[in-house]
């Protein structure tokens, strides 16, 4: 993982983390990605980067992210 996923990015990803697993989040992002249009180019770029990073990390690295507790605190 080169730059890492920031806390602010993790807050966004938490919205797609219904399964609570790395593979589930990857699947949710891959399902959402085709719906992004030309006006969503910045989000598409972020999504591609997150997918690359999630696919490259281990389940332990994923477990160290704050995703599961972010929405619990809201």
PDB file of N, CA and C in Angstrom:
ATOM      1  N   UNK A   1       0.855  -1.173   0.000  1.00  0.00           N
ATOM      2  CA  UNK A   1       0.000   0.000   0.000  1.00  0.00           C
ATOM      3  C   UNK A   1       0.891   1.222   0.000  1.00  0.00           C
ATOM      4  N   UNK A   2       0.812   2.037  -1.023  1.00  0.00           N
ATOM      5  CA  UNK A   2       1.742   3.144  -1.153  1.00  0.00           C
ATOM      6  C   UNK A   2       1.409   4.310  -0.231  1.00  0.00           C
ATOM      7  N   UNK A   3       0.361   5.036  -0.492  1.00  0.00           N
ATOM      8  CA  UNK A   3       0.057   6.201   0.329  1.00  0.00           C
ATOM      9  C   UNK A   3      -0.862   5.874   1.487  1.00  0.00           C
ATOM     10  N   UNK A   4      -1.510   4.764   1.426  1.00  0.00           N
ATOM     11  CA  UNK A   4      -2.438   4.385   2.474  1.00  0.00           C
ATOM     12  C   UNK A   4      -3.784   5.063   2.296  1.00  0.00           C
ATOM     13  N   UNK A   5      -4.759   4.535   2.967  1.00  0.00           N
ATOM     14  CA  UNK A   5      -6.107   5.091   2.923  1.00  0.00           C
ATOM     15  C   UNK A   5      -6.262   5.981   4.138  1.00  0.00           C
ATOM     16  N   UNK A   6      -6.528   7.261   3.916  1.00  0.00           N
ATOM     17  CA  UNK A   6      -6.624   8.218   5.013  1.00  0.00           C
ATOM     18  C   UNK A   6      -7.886   7.978   5.841  1.00  0.00           C
ATOM     19  N   UNK A   7      -7.936   8.582   7.014  1.00  0.00           N
ATOM     20  CA  UNK A   7      -9.112   8.452   7.869  1.00  0.00           C
ATOM     21  C   UNK A   7     -10.341   9.036   7.174  1.00  0.00           C
ATOM     22  N   UNK A   8     -10.180  10.176   6.506  1.00  0.00           N
ATOM     23  CA  UNK A   8     -11.311  10.771   5.787  1.00  0.00           C
ATOM     24  C   UNK A   8     -11.829   9.828   4.702  1.00  0.00           C
ATOM     25  N   UNK A   9     -10.925   9.165   4.006  1.00  0.00           N
ATOM     26  CA  UNK A   9     -11.331   8.192   2.993  1.00  0.00           C
ATOM     27  C   UNK A   9     -12.012   6.995   3.645  1.00  0.00           C
ATOM     28  N   UNK A  10     -11.525   6.582   4.809  1.00  0.00           N
ATOM     29  CA  UNK A  10     -12.137   5.467   5.523  1.00  0.00           C
ATOM     30  C   UNK A  10     -13.567   5.811   5.924  1.00  0.00           C
ATOM     31  N   UNK A  11     -13.819   7.083   6.263  1.00  0.00           N
ATOM     32  CA  UNK A  11     -15.183   7.492   6.598  1.00  0.00           C
ATOM     33  C   UNK A  11     -16.116   7.261   5.411  1.00  0.00           C
ATOM     34  N   UNK A  12     -15.649   7.591   4.207  1.00  0.00           N
ATOM     35  CA  UNK A  12     -16.452   7.352   3.007  1.00  0.00           C
ATOM     36  C   UNK A  12     -16.622   5.853   2.765  1.00  0.00           C
ATOM     37  N   UNK A  13     -15.537   5.108   2.861  1.00  0.00           N
ATOM     38  CA  UNK A  13     -15.586   3.668   2.603  1.00  0.00           C
ATOM     39  C   UNK A  13     -16.491   2.945   3.599  1.00  0.00           C
ATOM     40  N   UNK A  14     -16.619   3.473   4.799  1.00  0.00           N
ATOM     41  CA  UNK A  14     -17.477   2.845   5.806  1.00  0.00           C
ATOM     42  C   UNK A  14     -18.917   2.746   5.314  1.00  0.00           C
ATOM     43  N   UNK A  15     -19.316   3.680   4.456  1.00  0.00           N
ATOM     44  CA  UNK A  15     -20.673   3.650   3.908  1.00  0.00           C
ATOM     45  C   UNK A  15     -20.913   2.420   3.036  1.00  0.00           C
ATOM     46  N   UNK A  16     -19.858   1.881   2.459  1.00  0.00           N
ATOM     47  CA  UNK A  16     -19.952   0.714   1.574  1.00  0.00           C
ATOM     48  C   UNK A  16     -19.517  -0.576   2.266  1.00  0.00           C
ATOM     49  N   UNK A  17     -19.249  -0.510   3.543  1.00  0.00           N
ATOM     50  CA  UNK A  17     -18.667  -1.639   4.269  1.00  0.00           C
ATOM     51  C   UNK A  17     -19.726  -2.447   5.022  1.00  0.00           C
ATOM     52  N   UNK A  18     -20.874  -2.671   4.412  1.00  0.00           N
ATOM     53  CA  UNK A  18     -21.968  -3.382   5.078  1.00  0.00           C
ATOM     54  C   UNK A  18     -21.575  -4.786   5.504  1.00  0.00           C
ATOM     55  N   UNK A  19     -20.731  -5.436   4.720  1.00  0.00           N
ATOM     56  CA  UNK A  19     -20.361  -6.816   5.037  1.00  0.00           C
ATOM     57  C   UNK A  19     -19.356  -6.887   6.187  1.00  0.00           C
ATOM     58  N   UNK A  20     -18.587  -5.816   6.369  1.00  0.00           N
ATOM     59  CA  UNK A  20     -17.566  -5.819   7.412  1.00  0.00           C
ATOM     60  C   UNK A  20     -16.321  -6.601   7.049  1.00  0.00           C
ATOM     61  N   UNK A  21     -16.193  -6.981   5.769  1.00  0.00           N
ATOM     62  CA  UNK A  21     -15.014  -7.723   5.342  1.00  0.00           C
ATOM     63  C   UNK A  21     -14.319  -6.994   4.195  1.00  0.00           C
ATOM     64  N   UNK A  22     -13.049  -7.269   4.035  1.00  0.00           N
ATOM     65  CA  UNK A  22     -12.276  -6.664   2.951  1.00  0.00           C
ATOM     66  C   UNK A  22     -12.844  -7.071   1.599  1.00  0.00           C
ATOM     67  N   UNK A  23     -13.110  -8.356   1.421  1.00  0.00           N
ATOM     68  CA  UNK A  23     -13.653  -8.835   0.145  1.00  0.00           C
ATOM     69  C   UNK A  23     -15.057  -8.286  -0.112  1.00  0.00           C
ATOM     70  N   UNK A  24     -15.842  -8.125   0.932  1.00  0.00           N
ATOM     71  CA  UNK A  24     -17.172  -7.548   0.782  1.00  0.00           C
ATOM     72  C   UNK A  24     -17.109  -6.087   0.374  1.00  0.00           C
ATOM     73  N   UNK A  25     -16.169  -5.340   0.933  1.00  0.00           N
ATOM     74  CA  UNK A  25     -16.004  -3.940   0.562  1.00  0.00           C
ATOM     75  C   UNK A  25     -15.523  -3.831  -0.884  1.00  0.00           C
ATOM     76  N   UNK A  26     -14.603  -4.698  -1.265  1.00  0.00           N
ATOM     77  CA  UNK A  26     -14.142  -4.715  -2.660  1.00  0.00           C
ATOM     78  C   UNK A  26     -15.329  -4.975  -3.585  1.00  0.00           C
ATOM     79  N   UNK A  27     -16.151  -5.944  -3.259  1.00  0.00           N
ATOM     80  CA  UNK A  27     -17.312  -6.279  -4.098  1.00  0.00           C
ATOM     81  C   UNK A  27     -18.285  -5.101  -4.170  1.00  0.00           C
ATOM     82  N   UNK A  28     -18.515  -4.421  -3.055  1.00  0.00           N
ATOM     83  CA  UNK A  28     -19.440  -3.282  -3.046  1.00  0.00           C
ATOM     84  C   UNK A  28     -18.914  -2.135  -3.907  1.00  0.00           C
ATOM     85  N   UNK A  29     -17.618  -1.867  -3.814  1.00  0.00           N
ATOM     86  CA  UNK A  29     -17.034  -0.805  -4.639  1.00  0.00           C
ATOM     87  C   UNK A  29     -17.054  -1.172  -6.115  1.00  0.00           C
ATOM     88  N   UNK A  30     -16.777  -2.438  -6.423  1.00  0.00           N
ATOM     89  CA  UNK A  30     -16.823  -2.885  -7.818  1.00  0.00           C
ATOM     90  C   UNK A  30     -18.248  -2.821  -8.371  1.00  0.00           C
ATOM     91  N   UNK A  31     -19.242  -3.042  -7.521  1.00  0.00           N
ATOM     92  CA  UNK A  31     -20.638  -2.958  -7.941  1.00  0.00           C
ATOM     93  C   UNK A  31     -21.039  -1.503  -8.182  1.00  0.00           C
ATOM     94  N   UNK A  32     -20.531  -0.580  -7.358  1.00  0.00           N
ATOM     95  CA  UNK A  32     -20.863   0.837  -7.469  1.00  0.00           C
ATOM     96  C   UNK A  32     -20.141   1.507  -8.626  1.00  0.00           C
ATOM     97  N   UNK A  33     -18.937   1.078  -8.937  1.00  0.00           N
ATOM     98  CA  UNK A  33     -18.051   1.751  -9.894  1.00  0.00           C
ATOM     99  C   UNK A  33     -18.680   1.992 -11.267  1.00  0.00           C
ATOM    100  N   UNK A  34     -19.395   1.037 -11.876  1.00  0.00           N
ATOM    101  CA  UNK A  34     -19.966   1.265 -13.206  1.00  0.00           C
ATOM    102  C   UNK A  34     -21.034   2.363 -13.249  1.00  0.00           C
ATOM    103  N   UNK A  35     -21.594   2.726 -12.109  1.00  0.00           N
ATOM    104  CA  UNK A  35     -22.638   3.738 -12.068  1.00  0.00           C
ATOM    105  C   UNK A  35     -22.087   5.160 -12.047  1.00  0.00           C
ATOM    106  N   UNK A  36     -20.783   5.306 -11.918  1.00  0.00           N
ATOM    107  CA  UNK A  36     -20.179   6.637 -11.912  1.00  0.00           C
ATOM    108  C   UNK A  36     -20.123   7.168 -13.340  1.00  0.00           C
ATOM    109  N   UNK A  37     -20.590   8.393 -13.514  1.00  0.00           N
ATOM    110  CA  UNK A  37     -20.613   9.003 -14.835  1.00  0.00           C
ATOM    111  C   UNK A  37     -19.441   9.940 -15.056  1.00  0.00           C
ATOM    112  N   UNK A  38     -19.453  10.638 -16.177  1.00  0.00           N
ATOM    113  CA  UNK A  38     -18.366  11.554 -16.522  1.00  0.00           C
ATOM    114  C   UNK A  38     -18.153  12.657 -15.482  1.00  0.00           C
ATOM    115  N   UNK A  39     -19.216  13.075 -14.829  1.00  0.00           N
ATOM    116  CA  UNK A  39     -19.091  14.116 -13.803  1.00  0.00           C
ATOM    117  C   UNK A  39     -18.487  13.584 -12.511  1.00  0.00           C
ATOM    118  N   UNK A  40     -18.330  12.277 -12.415  1.00  0.00           N
ATOM    119  CA  UNK A  40     -17.808  11.635 -11.207  1.00  0.00           C
ATOM    120  C   UNK A  40     -16.365  11.177 -11.384  1.00  0.00           C
ATOM    121  N   UNK A  41     -15.616  11.836 -12.253  1.00  0.00           N
ATOM    122  CA  UNK A  41     -14.265  11.358 -12.571  1.00  0.00           C
ATOM    123  C   UNK A  41     -13.344  11.355 -11.355  1.00  0.00           C
ATOM    124  N   UNK A  42     -13.493  12.325 -10.477  1.00  0.00           N
ATOM    125  CA  UNK A  42     -12.642  12.352  -9.282  1.00  0.00           C
ATOM    126  C   UNK A  42     -12.963  11.167  -8.375  1.00  0.00           C
ATOM    127  N   UNK A  43     -14.248  10.910  -8.147  1.00  0.00           N
ATOM    128  CA  UNK A  43     -14.654   9.764  -7.328  1.00  0.00           C
ATOM    129  C   UNK A  43     -14.238   8.457  -7.986  1.00  0.00           C
ATOM    130  N   UNK A  44     -14.320   8.388  -9.309  1.00  0.00           N
ATOM    131  CA  UNK A  44     -13.896   7.179 -10.022  1.00  0.00           C
ATOM    132  C   UNK A  44     -12.408   6.925  -9.791  1.00  0.00           C
ATOM    133  N   UNK A  45     -11.615   7.978  -9.830  1.00  0.00           N
ATOM    134  CA  UNK A  45     -10.183   7.835  -9.579  1.00  0.00           C
ATOM    135  C   UNK A  45      -9.898   7.358  -8.169  1.00  0.00           C
ATOM    136  N   UNK A  46     -10.607   7.945  -7.197  1.00  0.00           N
ATOM    137  CA  UNK A  46     -10.448   7.495  -5.812  1.00  0.00           C
ATOM    138  C   UNK A  46     -10.864   6.034  -5.673  1.00  0.00           C
ATOM    139  N   UNK A  47     -11.988   5.679  -6.278  1.00  0.00           N
ATOM    140  CA  UNK A  47     -12.492   4.307  -6.179  1.00  0.00           C
ATOM    141  C   UNK A  47     -11.487   3.317  -6.757  1.00  0.00           C
ATOM    142  N   UNK A  48     -10.910   3.645  -7.893  1.00  0.00           N
ATOM    143  CA  UNK A  48      -9.904   2.771  -8.491  1.00  0.00           C
ATOM    144  C   UNK A  48      -8.697   2.612  -7.566  1.00  0.00           C
ATOM    145  N   UNK A  49      -8.275   3.709  -6.959  1.00  0.00           N
ATOM    146  CA  UNK A  49      -7.141   3.665  -6.035  1.00  0.00           C
ATOM    147  C   UNK A  49      -7.472   2.816  -4.809  1.00  0.00           C
ATOM    148  N   UNK A  50      -8.674   3.013  -4.254  1.00  0.00           N
ATOM    149  CA  UNK A  50      -9.073   2.229  -3.080  1.00  0.00           C
ATOM    150  C   UNK A  50      -9.150   0.749  -3.413  1.00  0.00           C
ATOM    151  N   UNK A  51      -9.691   0.432  -4.576  1.00  0.00           N
ATOM    152  CA  UNK A  51      -9.767  -0.976  -4.980  1.00  0.00           C
ATOM    153  C   UNK A  51      -8.371  -1.584  -5.086  1.00  0.00           C
ATOM    154  N   UNK A  52      -7.449  -0.862  -5.707  1.00  0.00           N
ATOM    155  CA  UNK A  52      -6.074  -1.360  -5.814  1.00  0.00           C
ATOM    156  C   UNK A  52      -5.470  -1.594  -4.435  1.00  0.00           C
ATOM    157  N   UNK A  53      -5.680  -0.647  -3.531  1.00  0.00           N
ATOM    158  CA  UNK A  53      -5.108  -0.763  -2.191  1.00  0.00           C
ATOM    159  C   UNK A  53      -5.757  -1.890  -1.389  1.00  0.00           C
ATOM    160  N   UNK A  54      -7.071  -2.007  -1.484  1.00  0.00           N
ATOM    161  CA  UNK A  54      -7.762  -3.071  -0.751  1.00  0.00           C
ATOM    162  C   UNK A  54      -7.365  -4.450  -1.261  1.00  0.00           C
ATOM    163  N   UNK A  55      -7.181  -4.569  -2.573  1.00  0.00           N
ATOM    164  CA  UNK A  55      -6.769  -5.853  -3.138  1.00  0.00           C
ATOM    165  C   UNK A  55      -5.343  -6.207  -2.745  1.00  0.00           C
ATOM    166  N   UNK A  56      -4.501  -5.201  -2.521  1.00  0.00           N
ATOM    167  CA  UNK A  56      -3.098  -5.437  -2.184  1.00  0.00           C
ATOM    168  C   UNK A  56      -2.870  -5.683  -0.690  1.00  0.00           C
ATOM    169  N   UNK A  57      -3.807  -5.261   0.157  1.00  0.00           N
ATOM    170  CA  UNK A  57      -3.583  -5.404   1.603  1.00  0.00           C
ATOM    171  C   UNK A  57      -4.032  -6.770   2.100  1.00  0.00           C
ATOM    172  N   UNK A  58      -3.541  -7.112   3.254  1.00  0.00           N
ATOM    173  CA  UNK A  58      -3.944  -8.358   3.897  1.00  0.00           C
ATOM    174  C   UNK A  58      -5.215  -8.123   4.716  1.00  0.00           C
ATOM    175  N   UNK A  59      -5.852  -9.208   5.136  1.00  0.00           N
ATOM    176  CA  UNK A  59      -7.020  -9.071   6.000  1.00  0.00           C
ATOM    177  C   UNK A  59      -6.638  -8.438   7.333  1.00  0.00           C
ATOM    178  N   UNK A  60      -5.423  -8.701   7.823  1.00  0.00           N
ATOM    179  CA  UNK A  60      -4.968  -8.073   9.070  1.00  0.00           C
ATOM    180  C   UNK A  60      -4.828  -6.568   8.908  1.00  0.00           C
ATOM    181  N   UNK A  61      -4.259  -6.129   7.785  1.00  0.00           N
ATOM    182  CA  UNK A  61      -4.146  -4.690   7.525  1.00  0.00           C
ATOM    183  C   UNK A  61      -5.531  -4.053   7.436  1.00  0.00           C
ATOM    184  N   UNK A  62      -6.442  -4.738   6.773  1.00  0.00           N
ATOM    185  CA  UNK A  62      -7.814  -4.257   6.671  1.00  0.00           C
ATOM    186  C   UNK A  62      -8.432  -4.143   8.069  1.00  0.00           C
ATOM    187  N   UNK A  63      -8.183  -5.125   8.905  1.00  0.00           N
ATOM    188  CA  UNK A  63      -8.726  -5.122  10.257  1.00  0.00           C
ATOM    189  C   UNK A  63      -8.219  -3.980  11.115  1.00  0.00           C
ATOM    190  N   UNK A  64      -7.060  -3.437  10.769  1.00  0.00           N
ATOM    191  CA  UNK A  64      -6.505  -2.315  11.524  1.00  0.00           C
ATOM    192  C   UNK A  64      -7.107  -0.974  11.121  1.00  0.00           C
ATOM    193  N   UNK A  65      -7.887  -0.969  10.070  1.00  0.00           N
ATOM    194  CA  UNK A  65      -8.546   0.278   9.666  1.00  0.00           C
ATOM    195  C   UNK A  65      -9.734   0.535  10.583  1.00  0.00           C
ATOM    196  N   UNK A  66     -10.223   1.742  10.596  1.00  0.00           N
ATOM    197  CA  UNK A  66     -11.292   2.164  11.502  1.00  0.00           C
ATOM    198  C   UNK A  66     -12.698   1.945  10.944  1.00  0.00           C
ATOM    199  N   UNK A  67     -12.832   1.260   9.834  1.00  0.00           N
ATOM    200  CA  UNK A  67     -14.107   1.176   9.126  1.00  0.00           C
ATOM    201  C   UNK A  67     -15.276   0.712   9.990  1.00  0.00           C
ATOM    202  N   UNK A  68     -15.062  -0.301  10.780  1.00  0.00           N
ATOM    203  CA  UNK A  68     -16.175  -0.875  11.539  1.00  0.00           C
ATOM    204  C   UNK A  68     -16.635   0.016  12.680  1.00  0.00           C
ATOM    205  N   UNK A  69     -15.758   0.856  13.199  1.00  0.00           N
ATOM    206  CA  UNK A  69     -16.155   1.701  14.323  1.00  0.00           C
ATOM    207  C   UNK A  69     -16.621   3.081  13.897  1.00  0.00           C
ATOM    208  N   UNK A  70     -16.351   3.493  12.682  1.00  0.00           N
ATOM    209  CA  UNK A  70     -16.704   4.840  12.239  1.00  0.00           C
ATOM    210  C   UNK A  70     -18.205   5.069  12.302  1.00  0.00           C
ATOM    211  N   UNK A  71     -18.996   4.190  11.725  1.00  0.00           N
ATOM    212  CA  UNK A  71     -20.431   4.378  11.717  1.00  0.00           C
ATOM    213  C   UNK A  71     -21.048   4.117  13.091  1.00  0.00           C
ATOM    214  N   UNK A  72     -20.401   3.286  13.902  1.00  0.00           N
ATOM    215  CA  UNK A  72     -20.894   3.046  15.256  1.00  0.00           C
ATOM    216  C   UNK A  72     -20.822   4.308  16.101  1.00  0.00           C
ATOM    217  N   UNK A  73     -19.827   5.150  15.817  1.00  0.00           N
ATOM    218  CA  UNK A  73     -19.635   6.383  16.584  1.00  0.00           C
ATOM    219  C   UNK A  73     -20.573   7.496  16.145  1.00  0.00           C
ATOM    220  N   UNK A  74     -21.189   7.343  14.980  1.00  0.00           N
ATOM    221  CA  UNK A  74     -22.046   8.410  14.425  1.00  0.00           C
ATOM    222  C   UNK A  74     -23.382   8.470  15.145  1.00  0.00           C
TER     223      UNK A  74
END
